[in-house]
Amino acid sequence: MRDVNGVKVYTLFYEAKIRYLTPVGQWKVGDVRTIKSNYGFQQTENGWQGPDGTIYTK
């Protein structure tokens, strides 16, 4: 967690692996694709606001 211009911000970093069970586009059966990304959240009075605007409370 860090403070950006007085707002508490938390960034969730993740890595996901997708294994294809059927052919899709360039991907063959059994291929594994790794996706790395992150989601940023900011603290509000009502909870943590996600990148889609949803507020998450405890």
C-alpha atoms as a PDB file:
ATOM      1  CA  MET A   1       0.000   0.000   0.000  1.00  0.00           C
ATOM      2  CA  ARG A   2       1.197   3.510  -0.680  1.00  0.00           C
ATOM      3  CA  ASP A   3      -0.042   7.053  -0.438  1.00  0.00           C
ATOM      4  CA  VAL A   4      -0.629   8.950  -3.703  1.00  0.00           C
ATOM      5  CA  ASN A   5      -1.653  12.590  -3.302  1.00  0.00           C
ATOM      6  CA  GLY A   6      -3.215  11.832   0.070  1.00  0.00           C
ATOM      7  CA  VAL A   7      -5.151   8.767  -1.163  1.00  0.00           C
ATOM      8  CA  LYS A   8      -4.236   5.284   0.040  1.00  0.00           C
ATOM      9  CA  VAL A   9      -3.670   3.046  -2.987  1.00  0.00           C
ATOM     10  CA  TYR A  10      -3.165  -0.720  -3.108  1.00  0.00           C
ATOM     11  CA  THR A  11      -2.046  -2.577  -6.218  1.00  0.00           C
ATOM     12  CA  LEU A  12      -2.759  -6.289  -6.535  1.00  0.00           C
ATOM     13  CA  PHE A  13      -0.287  -7.989  -8.874  1.00  0.00           C
ATOM     14  CA  TYR A  14      -1.213 -11.422 -10.220  1.00  0.00           C
ATOM     15  CA  GLU A  15      -0.152 -14.161 -12.618  1.00  0.00           C
ATOM     16  CA  ALA A  16      -2.654 -16.571 -14.196  1.00  0.00           C
ATOM     17  CA  LYS A  17      -2.029 -19.664 -16.299  1.00  0.00           C
ATOM     18  CA  ILE A  18      -4.587 -20.775 -18.892  1.00  0.00           C
ATOM     19  CA  ARG A  19      -4.465 -24.337 -20.233  1.00  0.00           C
ATOM     20  CA  TYR A  20      -6.459 -24.837 -23.436  1.00  0.00           C
ATOM     21  CA  LEU A  21      -8.695 -27.893 -23.566  1.00  0.00           C
ATOM     22  CA  THR A  22      -9.957 -27.116 -27.075  1.00  0.00           C
ATOM     23  CA  PRO A  23      -8.281 -25.262 -29.933  1.00  0.00           C
ATOM     24  CA  VAL A  24      -8.896 -21.495 -29.840  1.00  0.00           C
ATOM     25  CA  GLY A  25      -7.382 -19.297 -32.544  1.00  0.00           C
ATOM     26  CA  GLN A  26      -3.610 -19.809 -32.505  1.00  0.00           C
ATOM     27  CA  TRP A  27      -3.735 -21.950 -29.332  1.00  0.00           C
ATOM     28  CA  LYS A  28      -3.704 -25.753 -29.584  1.00  0.00           C
ATOM     29  CA  VAL A  29      -5.061 -28.314 -27.110  1.00  0.00           C
ATOM     30  CA  GLY A  30      -2.665 -28.531 -24.149  1.00  0.00           C
ATOM     31  CA  ASP A  31      -1.022 -25.136 -24.756  1.00  0.00           C
ATOM     32  CA  VAL A  32      -0.468 -23.066 -21.605  1.00  0.00           C
ATOM     33  CA  ARG A  33      -0.551 -19.284 -21.694  1.00  0.00           C
ATOM     34  CA  THR A  34       0.644 -17.090 -18.801  1.00  0.00           C
ATOM     35  CA  ILE A  35      -0.928 -13.706 -18.176  1.00  0.00           C
ATOM     36  CA  LYS A  36       0.568 -11.174 -15.756  1.00  0.00           C
ATOM     37  CA  SER A  37      -1.287  -8.028 -14.819  1.00  0.00           C
ATOM     38  CA  ASN A  38      -2.451  -5.900 -11.904  1.00  0.00           C
ATOM     39  CA  TYR A  39      -5.485  -4.179 -10.450  1.00  0.00           C
ATOM     40  CA  GLY A  40      -5.302  -0.874  -8.624  1.00  0.00           C
ATOM     41  CA  PHE A  41      -7.585  -0.076  -5.692  1.00  0.00           C
ATOM     42  CA  GLN A  42      -8.035   3.169  -3.790  1.00  0.00           C
ATOM     43  CA  GLN A  43      -9.387   3.567  -0.282  1.00  0.00           C
ATOM     44  CA  THR A  44     -12.651   5.491   0.070  1.00  0.00           C
ATOM     45  CA  GLU A  45     -14.890   6.232   3.053  1.00  0.00           C
ATOM     46  CA  ASN A  46     -17.051   3.225   2.097  1.00  0.00           C
ATOM     47  CA  GLY A  47     -14.288   0.687   1.364  1.00  0.00           C
ATOM     48  CA  TRP A  48     -11.797  -0.089  -1.384  1.00  0.00           C
ATOM     49  CA  GLN A  49     -12.781   1.037  -4.887  1.00  0.00           C
ATOM     50  CA  GLY A  50     -11.630  -1.213  -7.718  1.00  0.00           C
ATOM     51  CA  PRO A  51     -10.728  -0.206 -11.264  1.00  0.00           C
ATOM     52  CA  ASP A  52     -14.307  -0.869 -12.424  1.00  0.00           C
ATOM     53  CA  GLY A  53     -15.754   1.482  -9.785  1.00  0.00           C
ATOM     54  CA  THR A  54     -17.063  -1.308  -7.531  1.00  0.00           C
ATOM     55  CA  ILE A  55     -16.664  -0.652  -3.793  1.00  0.00           C
ATOM     56  CA  TYR A  56     -15.421  -3.644  -1.793  1.00  0.00           C
ATOM     57  CA  THR A  57     -16.152  -3.652   1.933  1.00  0.00           C
ATOM     58  CA  LYS A  58     -15.034  -6.044   4.644  1.00  0.00           C
END
